[in-house]
Amino acid sequence: MKPANVSSVTEFQLLGFQNLLEWQTLLFAIFLFIYFLTITGNVVIIAVVSQDQRLHSPMYVFLRHLSFLEIWYTSTIVPLLLANLFSHGQAISFPACMTQLYFFVFFGATECFLLAMMAYDRHLAICSPLHYSSLMSPEICTRLVAVSWLTGVGTGFLPSLMISKLDFCGPNQINHFFCDLPPLMQLSCSSVYITRMVIFILSIAVLCICFFLTLVSYVFIVSTILRIPSASGRMKTFSTCGSHLAVVTIYYGTMISMYVRPNDHLSAEINKIISVFYTVVTPLLNPIIYSLRNQEFKDAVRKVLRKKFNVSFIQPIFRRPLLILPSISFINSTIILKPFICASPLAAVWIAQGHYGKEMGKEDFP
């Protein structure tokens, strides 16, 4: 019950990273750059997969939906974060806060389901290659994608509805950079025990079960890889699967630490750092890991570039690529920086012409 003579909160004040006022400009530039790369990378994936008929297999159908999801997922959080950093604090109305909360839970839950489906798809492709076409037909793939989205839509309703029914009498300052569940429950002046328990159970059902199913799929994948007779084949497959599993672990690990494990004893600043990983970092890493380390996808990118752009007249420019990218040999050994090379239009055309491999003595980079 609301206290007498206390008006309800009509808007919240997002404090963001106000304890780092001297770093606000740098943080704004970093997050803006990451946001740009995230949107660009995922748009490129959607465009290339849509245009190349060879990439219409179930794996790339899942990847296209994941990229579409990541665009909206990160756009639910990052623009408001940037506005907060730019203005040193951002007010958000109560309806807008609840709307952001719903879409955050909706997209976050859908990503969990999609990642589990993608791991299952890879399990079938590697462990049962002879039966893959029948076990993962286009119809089954479409149904799995639809189930992921519809389940995510339903998952988002319950937490946002229960939070919206709580009483908020003041203060109205959310010590976070978006409307998240824990800080909102801390601001409520009514009992949050039932709400907290429901969200806890829902988090276990979505996060832990999806993470468990994903890990089981990768256990079977690893056991199959170990039986590959070729050492180079094992290393290449292990490298790809290890990258996938690393990103999945970062996403699930940080989400579980926030919503399954009680975190009231953690400082608000630690919670913000954890939140940055699953709202800003993983949406950038997913297109890197699932596309740039995929030879078939890189071949499709070259094909699209050759088809869409007439690059023959600027081909002589790339005879001396080290003049354009003087530190390319260093970048070549640093996998995390390769997306930044590809973000350059000149470097993209250069890669499309095959000059990267010729200069480095390789046909392609991993």
Protein backbone atom coordinates (compact mmCIF):
# COMPACT_ATOMS: atom_id res chain seq x y z
CA MET A 1 0.00 0.00 0.00
CA LYS A 2 1.23 3.46 -0.87
CA PRO A 3 2.12 5.73 2.03
CA ALA A 4 -0.42 8.46 2.67
CA ASN A 5 0.14 11.89 1.17
CA VAL A 6 2.96 10.61 -1.08
CA SER A 7 2.57 11.08 -4.81
CA SER A 8 3.58 8.35 -7.25
CA VAL A 9 6.72 8.73 -9.35
CA THR A 10 5.96 9.81 -12.92
CA GLU A 11 9.54 9.75 -14.21
CA PHE A 12 12.92 8.36 -13.29
CA GLN A 13 16.38 9.88 -13.42
CA LEU A 14 19.03 7.55 -14.85
CA LEU A 15 22.31 8.32 -13.09
CA GLY A 16 24.45 6.30 -15.50
CA PHE A 17 28.20 6.67 -14.90
CA GLN A 18 28.09 9.90 -12.93
CA ASN A 19 30.92 8.77 -10.69
CA LEU A 20 33.16 8.93 -13.79
CA LEU A 21 32.44 12.49 -14.84
CA GLU A 22 35.99 13.10 -16.10
CA TRP A 23 35.68 10.03 -18.35
CA GLN A 24 32.26 10.83 -19.79
CA THR A 25 33.58 12.10 -23.14
CA LEU A 26 35.87 9.11 -23.61
CA LEU A 27 33.12 6.66 -22.65
CA PHE A 28 30.75 8.39 -25.05
CA ALA A 29 33.24 8.00 -27.92
CA ILE A 30 33.96 4.34 -27.07
CA PHE A 31 30.30 3.33 -26.78
CA LEU A 32 29.38 5.27 -29.92
CA PHE A 33 32.13 3.53 -31.88
CA ILE A 34 31.09 0.10 -30.57
CA TYR A 35 27.46 0.86 -31.39
CA PHE A 36 28.39 1.89 -34.93
CA LEU A 37 30.41 -1.30 -35.47
CA THR A 38 27.64 -3.43 -33.99
CA ILE A 39 24.95 -2.00 -36.24
CA THR A 40 27.20 -2.04 -39.31
CA GLY A 41 28.39 -5.60 -38.73
CA ASN A 42 24.93 -7.01 -38.19
CA VAL A 43 23.46 -5.12 -41.16
CA VAL A 44 26.24 -6.52 -43.36
CA ILE A 45 25.46 -10.05 -42.17
CA ILE A 46 21.75 -9.64 -42.94
CA ALA A 47 22.47 -8.15 -46.38
CA VAL A 48 25.04 -10.77 -47.40
CA VAL A 49 23.00 -13.73 -46.16
CA SER A 50 19.89 -12.41 -47.91
CA GLN A 51 21.65 -11.91 -51.25
CA ASP A 52 23.76 -15.06 -51.49
CA GLN A 53 21.73 -18.19 -52.24
CA ARG A 54 24.51 -20.39 -50.83
CA LEU A 55 23.88 -18.88 -47.40
CA HIS A 56 20.23 -19.89 -47.14
CA SER A 57 21.01 -22.97 -45.06
CA PRO A 58 19.55 -23.28 -41.53
CA MET A 59 22.80 -22.11 -39.90
CA TYR A 60 22.66 -18.79 -41.75
CA VAL A 61 18.92 -18.44 -41.19
CA PHE A 62 19.63 -18.54 -37.46
CA LEU A 63 22.54 -16.14 -37.91
CA ARG A 64 20.40 -13.65 -39.85
CA HIS A 65 17.75 -13.67 -37.11
CA LEU A 66 20.44 -13.29 -34.45
CA SER A 67 21.88 -10.27 -36.27
CA PHE A 68 18.42 -8.72 -36.65
CA LEU A 69 17.85 -9.31 -32.94
CA GLU A 70 21.19 -7.79 -31.94
CA ILE A 71 20.42 -4.57 -33.81
CA TRP A 72 17.24 -4.02 -31.83
CA TYR A 73 18.63 -5.41 -28.58
CA THR A 74 21.58 -3.02 -28.46
CA SER A 75 19.42 -0.16 -29.80
CA THR A 76 17.11 -0.60 -26.82
CA ILE A 77 19.96 0.29 -24.45
CA VAL A 78 22.85 2.12 -26.12
CA PRO A 79 21.14 5.27 -27.53
CA LEU A 80 19.80 6.13 -24.08
CA LEU A 81 23.23 5.37 -22.62
CA LEU A 82 24.84 7.75 -25.10
CA ALA A 83 22.29 10.45 -24.29
CA ASN A 84 23.02 9.93 -20.61
CA LEU A 85 26.76 10.33 -21.13
CA PHE A 86 26.26 13.39 -23.33
CA SER A 87 23.93 15.22 -20.93
CA HIS A 88 25.39 13.85 -17.65
CA GLY A 89 22.04 12.37 -16.61
CA GLN A 90 18.86 11.42 -18.42
CA ALA A 91 15.22 11.63 -17.36
CA ILE A 92 12.87 8.91 -18.58
CA SER A 93 9.11 8.77 -18.05
CA PHE A 94 7.52 5.87 -16.22
CA PRO A 95 5.81 4.45 -19.37
CA ALA A 96 9.03 4.79 -21.37
CA CYS A 97 10.98 3.05 -18.60
CA MET A 98 8.54 0.12 -18.56
CA THR A 99 8.66 -0.06 -22.35
CA GLN A 100 12.46 -0.23 -22.33
CA LEU A 101 12.32 -2.89 -19.62
CA TYR A 102 9.90 -5.01 -21.66
CA PHE A 103 11.93 -4.89 -24.85
CA PHE A 104 15.16 -5.55 -22.94
CA VAL A 105 13.73 -8.73 -21.39
CA PHE A 106 12.04 -9.71 -24.67
CA PHE A 107 15.19 -9.39 -26.80
CA GLY A 108 17.43 -10.84 -24.08
CA ALA A 109 15.26 -13.95 -23.66
CA THR A 110 14.93 -14.39 -27.44
CA GLU A 111 18.71 -14.28 -27.79
CA CYS A 112 19.02 -17.06 -25.18
CA PHE A 113 16.62 -19.25 -27.16
CA LEU A 114 18.32 -18.47 -30.49
CA LEU A 115 21.79 -19.25 -29.13
CA ALA A 116 20.51 -22.59 -27.81
CA MET A 117 18.93 -23.36 -31.22
CA MET A 118 22.15 -22.43 -33.03
CA ALA A 119 24.17 -24.73 -30.76
CA TYR A 120 21.69 -27.54 -31.46
CA ASP A 121 21.97 -26.86 -35.19
CA ARG A 122 25.78 -27.12 -35.04
CA HIS A 123 25.46 -30.30 -32.99
CA LEU A 124 23.33 -31.91 -35.71
CA ALA A 125 25.63 -30.69 -38.50
CA ILE A 126 28.80 -32.03 -36.85
CA CYS A 127 27.54 -35.10 -35.00
CA SER A 128 24.90 -36.31 -37.48
CA PRO A 129 25.95 -34.97 -40.90
CA LEU A 130 24.24 -37.76 -42.85
CA HIS A 131 20.86 -37.04 -41.24
CA TYR A 132 21.28 -33.26 -40.95
CA SER A 133 19.09 -32.34 -43.92
CA SER A 134 16.16 -34.32 -42.53
CA LEU A 135 16.65 -33.38 -38.86
CA MET A 136 17.10 -29.67 -39.64
CA SER A 137 14.92 -29.08 -42.70
CA PRO A 138 13.89 -25.53 -43.68
CA GLU A 139 10.45 -26.14 -42.16
CA ILE A 140 11.91 -27.28 -38.82
CA CYS A 141 14.35 -24.36 -38.84
CA THR A 142 11.49 -21.91 -39.41
CA ARG A 143 9.52 -23.43 -36.54
CA LEU A 144 12.48 -23.22 -34.16
CA VAL A 145 13.04 -19.56 -35.06
CA ALA A 146 9.33 -18.81 -34.58
CA VAL A 147 9.32 -20.57 -31.20
CA SER A 148 12.35 -18.53 -30.11
CA TRP A 149 10.69 -15.21 -30.99
CA LEU A 150 7.26 -16.08 -29.62
CA THR A 151 8.70 -17.41 -26.36
CA GLY A 152 10.74 -14.24 -26.02
CA VAL A 153 7.64 -12.10 -26.55
CA GLY A 154 5.84 -13.97 -23.77
CA THR A 155 8.84 -13.91 -21.43
CA GLY A 156 9.04 -10.12 -21.58
CA PHE A 157 5.48 -9.54 -20.39
CA LEU A 158 5.58 -11.00 -16.87
CA PRO A 159 8.57 -9.09 -15.41
CA SER A 160 7.58 -5.75 -16.94
CA LEU A 161 3.95 -6.20 -15.84
CA MET A 162 4.92 -7.06 -12.26
CA ILE A 163 7.38 -4.16 -12.03
CA SER A 164 4.78 -1.73 -13.41
CA LYS A 165 2.35 -2.79 -10.66
CA LEU A 166 4.80 -1.88 -7.90
CA ASP A 167 4.47 1.38 -6.00
CA PHE A 168 7.19 4.00 -6.55
CA CYS A 169 6.88 6.85 -4.04
CA GLY A 170 10.36 8.34 -4.30
CA PRO A 171 13.27 8.76 -4.63
CA ASN A 172 13.23 8.41 -8.40
CA GLN A 173 16.96 8.11 -9.14
CA ILE A 174 17.94 4.82 -10.82
CA ASN A 175 21.63 4.16 -10.20
CA HIS A 176 22.06 2.49 -13.59
CA PHE A 177 22.27 3.44 -17.28
CA PHE A 178 18.95 1.79 -18.22
CA CYS A 179 15.73 0.59 -16.59
CA ASP A 180 16.87 -2.76 -15.25
CA LEU A 181 15.04 -5.10 -12.89
CA PRO A 182 17.26 -4.99 -9.74
CA PRO A 183 17.54 -1.17 -9.40
CA LEU A 184 13.82 -0.72 -10.07
CA MET A 185 12.90 -3.20 -7.34
CA GLN A 186 15.25 -1.37 -4.96
CA LEU A 187 13.35 1.89 -5.56
CA SER A 188 9.91 0.43 -4.89
CA CYS A 189 8.17 1.39 -1.65
CA SER A 190 5.97 -1.72 -1.71
CA SER A 191 6.84 -5.34 -1.00
CA VAL A 192 8.88 -6.89 -3.82
CA TYR A 193 9.23 -10.41 -2.37
CA ILE A 194 6.79 -12.07 -4.79
CA THR A 195 8.12 -10.07 -7.74
CA ARG A 196 11.70 -10.97 -6.85
CA MET A 197 10.87 -14.68 -6.54
CA VAL A 198 8.95 -14.78 -9.83
CA ILE A 199 11.80 -13.04 -11.68
CA PHE A 200 14.30 -15.39 -10.02
CA ILE A 201 12.38 -18.49 -11.14
CA LEU A 202 11.86 -17.08 -14.63
CA SER A 203 15.57 -16.29 -14.90
CA ILE A 204 16.48 -19.86 -13.95
CA ALA A 205 13.98 -21.23 -16.47
CA VAL A 206 15.31 -19.10 -19.33
CA LEU A 207 19.00 -18.50 -18.62
CA CYS A 208 20.11 -21.68 -16.86
CA ILE A 209 18.11 -24.10 -19.01
CA CYS A 210 19.21 -22.48 -22.28
CA PHE A 211 22.81 -22.34 -21.09
CA PHE A 212 22.67 -25.99 -20.03
CA LEU A 213 21.24 -27.08 -23.39
CA THR A 214 23.91 -25.06 -25.18
CA LEU A 215 26.68 -26.64 -23.14
CA VAL A 216 25.29 -30.14 -23.75
CA SER A 217 25.34 -29.49 -27.50
CA TYR A 218 28.96 -28.36 -27.34
CA VAL A 219 29.95 -31.38 -25.22
CA PHE A 220 28.69 -33.66 -28.00
CA ILE A 221 30.40 -31.47 -30.59
CA VAL A 222 33.75 -31.66 -28.77
CA SER A 223 33.46 -35.43 -28.38
CA THR A 224 32.90 -35.72 -32.13
CA ILE A 225 35.78 -33.37 -32.94
CA LEU A 226 38.16 -35.49 -30.88
CA ARG A 227 37.50 -38.37 -33.27
CA ILE A 228 38.60 -36.36 -36.33
CA PRO A 229 41.75 -38.09 -37.63
CA SER A 230 43.38 -34.92 -38.99
CA ALA A 231 45.16 -32.82 -36.37
CA SER A 232 44.77 -29.65 -38.44
CA GLY A 233 41.06 -30.38 -38.86
CA ARG A 234 40.65 -30.80 -35.11
CA MET A 235 42.48 -27.55 -34.38
CA LYS A 236 40.45 -25.56 -36.92
CA THR A 237 37.13 -26.89 -35.64
CA PHE A 238 38.20 -26.44 -32.02
CA SER A 239 39.17 -22.83 -32.77
CA THR A 240 35.77 -22.03 -34.25
CA CYS A 241 33.74 -23.84 -31.58
CA GLY A 242 35.92 -22.38 -28.83
CA SER A 243 35.20 -18.85 -30.08
CA HIS A 244 31.47 -19.56 -30.18
CA LEU A 245 31.52 -21.03 -26.69
CA ALA A 246 33.53 -18.10 -25.32
CA VAL A 247 30.95 -15.55 -26.50
CA VAL A 248 28.07 -17.71 -25.25
CA THR A 249 29.75 -18.07 -21.85
CA ILE A 250 30.31 -14.32 -21.55
CA TYR A 251 26.66 -13.61 -22.37
CA TYR A 252 25.11 -16.27 -20.16
CA GLY A 253 27.65 -15.84 -17.37
CA THR A 254 27.08 -12.12 -16.96
CA MET A 255 23.28 -12.48 -17.25
CA ILE A 256 23.17 -15.29 -14.69
CA SER A 257 25.34 -13.29 -12.29
CA MET A 258 22.82 -10.44 -12.47
CA TYR A 259 19.45 -12.19 -12.39
CA VAL A 260 19.96 -15.66 -10.87
CA ARG A 261 22.57 -15.08 -8.20
CA PRO A 262 21.52 -12.55 -5.51
CA ASN A 263 23.53 -9.41 -6.20
CA ASP A 264 22.34 -7.02 -3.50
CA HIS A 265 25.77 -7.23 -1.87
CA LEU A 266 27.47 -6.07 -5.08
CA SER A 267 28.03 -2.36 -5.59
CA ALA A 268 26.00 -0.53 -8.20
CA GLU A 269 29.18 0.20 -10.15
CA ILE A 270 30.05 -3.50 -10.41
CA ASN A 271 26.50 -4.22 -11.64
CA LYS A 272 26.90 -1.54 -14.33
CA ILE A 273 30.15 -3.07 -15.57
CA ILE A 274 28.54 -6.53 -15.70
CA SER A 275 25.59 -5.06 -17.60
CA VAL A 276 27.90 -3.49 -20.19
CA PHE A 277 29.07 -6.97 -21.21
CA TYR A 278 25.65 -8.35 -22.13
CA THR A 279 24.17 -5.12 -23.50
CA VAL A 280 27.14 -3.62 -25.39
CA VAL A 281 30.00 -6.12 -25.78
CA THR A 282 28.28 -9.37 -26.83
CA PRO A 283 26.16 -7.71 -29.57
CA LEU A 284 29.49 -6.64 -31.11
CA LEU A 285 31.24 -9.99 -30.61
CA ASN A 286 28.47 -12.13 -32.12
CA PRO A 287 28.85 -10.87 -35.73
CA ILE A 288 32.63 -11.10 -35.38
CA ILE A 289 32.71 -14.67 -34.13
CA TYR A 290 29.88 -16.09 -36.22
CA SER A 291 30.83 -14.47 -39.53
CA LEU A 292 34.42 -13.25 -39.83
CA ARG A 293 35.75 -16.63 -38.70
CA ASN A 294 33.58 -18.37 -41.30
CA GLN A 295 35.29 -18.99 -44.65
CA GLU A 296 32.02 -19.48 -46.53
CA PHE A 297 30.69 -16.15 -45.28
CA LYS A 298 33.90 -14.30 -46.17
CA ASP A 299 33.73 -15.74 -49.70
CA ALA A 300 30.15 -14.49 -49.95
CA VAL A 301 31.25 -10.99 -48.83
CA ARG A 302 33.89 -10.93 -51.58
CA LYS A 303 31.31 -12.03 -54.12
CA VAL A 304 28.88 -9.29 -53.08
CA LEU A 305 31.63 -6.64 -53.18
CA ARG A 306 32.70 -7.69 -56.67
CA LYS A 307 29.10 -7.68 -57.81
CA LYS A 308 28.07 -4.37 -56.28
CA PHE A 309 31.22 -2.31 -56.81
CA ASN A 310 33.51 -1.88 -59.78
CA VAL A 311 36.85 -2.23 -58.03
CA SER A 312 39.06 -2.96 -61.02
CA PHE A 313 39.93 0.68 -61.65
CA ILE A 314 41.34 1.12 -58.13
CA GLN A 315 43.12 -2.21 -58.04
CA PRO A 316 46.61 -0.66 -58.53
CA ILE A 317 46.10 1.28 -55.32
CA PHE A 318 46.40 -1.95 -53.37
CA ARG A 319 49.65 -3.10 -54.92
CA ARG A 320 51.35 -1.58 -51.89
CA PRO A 321 48.87 -2.28 -49.10
CA LEU A 322 51.40 -1.63 -46.39
CA LEU A 323 51.31 2.05 -47.36
CA ILE A 324 47.61 2.10 -46.53
CA LEU A 325 47.70 -0.12 -43.46
CA PRO A 326 51.24 0.11 -42.10
CA SER A 327 50.50 -2.07 -39.09
CA ILE A 328 48.71 -4.82 -40.98
CA SER A 329 51.19 -7.50 -39.94
CA PHE A 330 50.53 -6.69 -36.30
CA ILE A 331 46.79 -6.58 -36.84
CA ASN A 332 46.96 -9.92 -38.63
CA SER A 333 48.14 -11.53 -35.40
CA THR A 334 45.44 -9.89 -33.33
CA ILE A 335 42.08 -11.48 -34.08
CA ILE A 336 39.97 -9.00 -32.14
CA LEU A 337 41.15 -6.09 -34.30
CA LYS A 338 40.28 -7.66 -37.66
CA PRO A 339 36.70 -6.28 -37.65
CA PHE A 340 38.14 -2.79 -37.45
CA ILE A 341 40.12 -3.42 -40.67
CA CYS A 342 36.98 -4.61 -42.38
CA ALA A 343 35.17 -1.46 -41.25
CA SER A 344 37.35 0.49 -43.70
CA PRO A 345 35.85 0.57 -47.21
CA LEU A 346 39.30 0.54 -48.82
CA ALA A 347 40.41 -2.44 -46.75
CA ALA A 348 37.17 -4.26 -47.58
CA VAL A 349 37.78 -3.83 -51.31
CA TRP A 350 41.37 -4.88 -50.84
CA ILE A 351 40.29 -8.08 -49.09
CA ALA A 352 37.72 -8.67 -51.83
CA GLN A 353 40.51 -8.58 -54.42
CA GLY A 354 42.45 -11.21 -52.49
CA HIS A 355 45.48 -8.97 -51.85
CA TYR A 356 45.39 -9.62 -48.10
CA GLY A 357 46.28 -13.27 -48.50
CA LYS A 358 48.87 -12.61 -51.20
CA GLU A 359 50.75 -10.09 -49.11
CA MET A 360 50.62 -12.21 -45.97
CA GLY A 361 51.48 -15.44 -47.76
CA LYS A 362 48.05 -16.97 -46.99
CA GLU A 363 44.91 -17.47 -48.99
CA ASP A 364 42.82 -16.12 -46.19
CA PHE A 365 42.99 -15.18 -42.55
CA PRO A 366 41.27 -17.39 -39.96
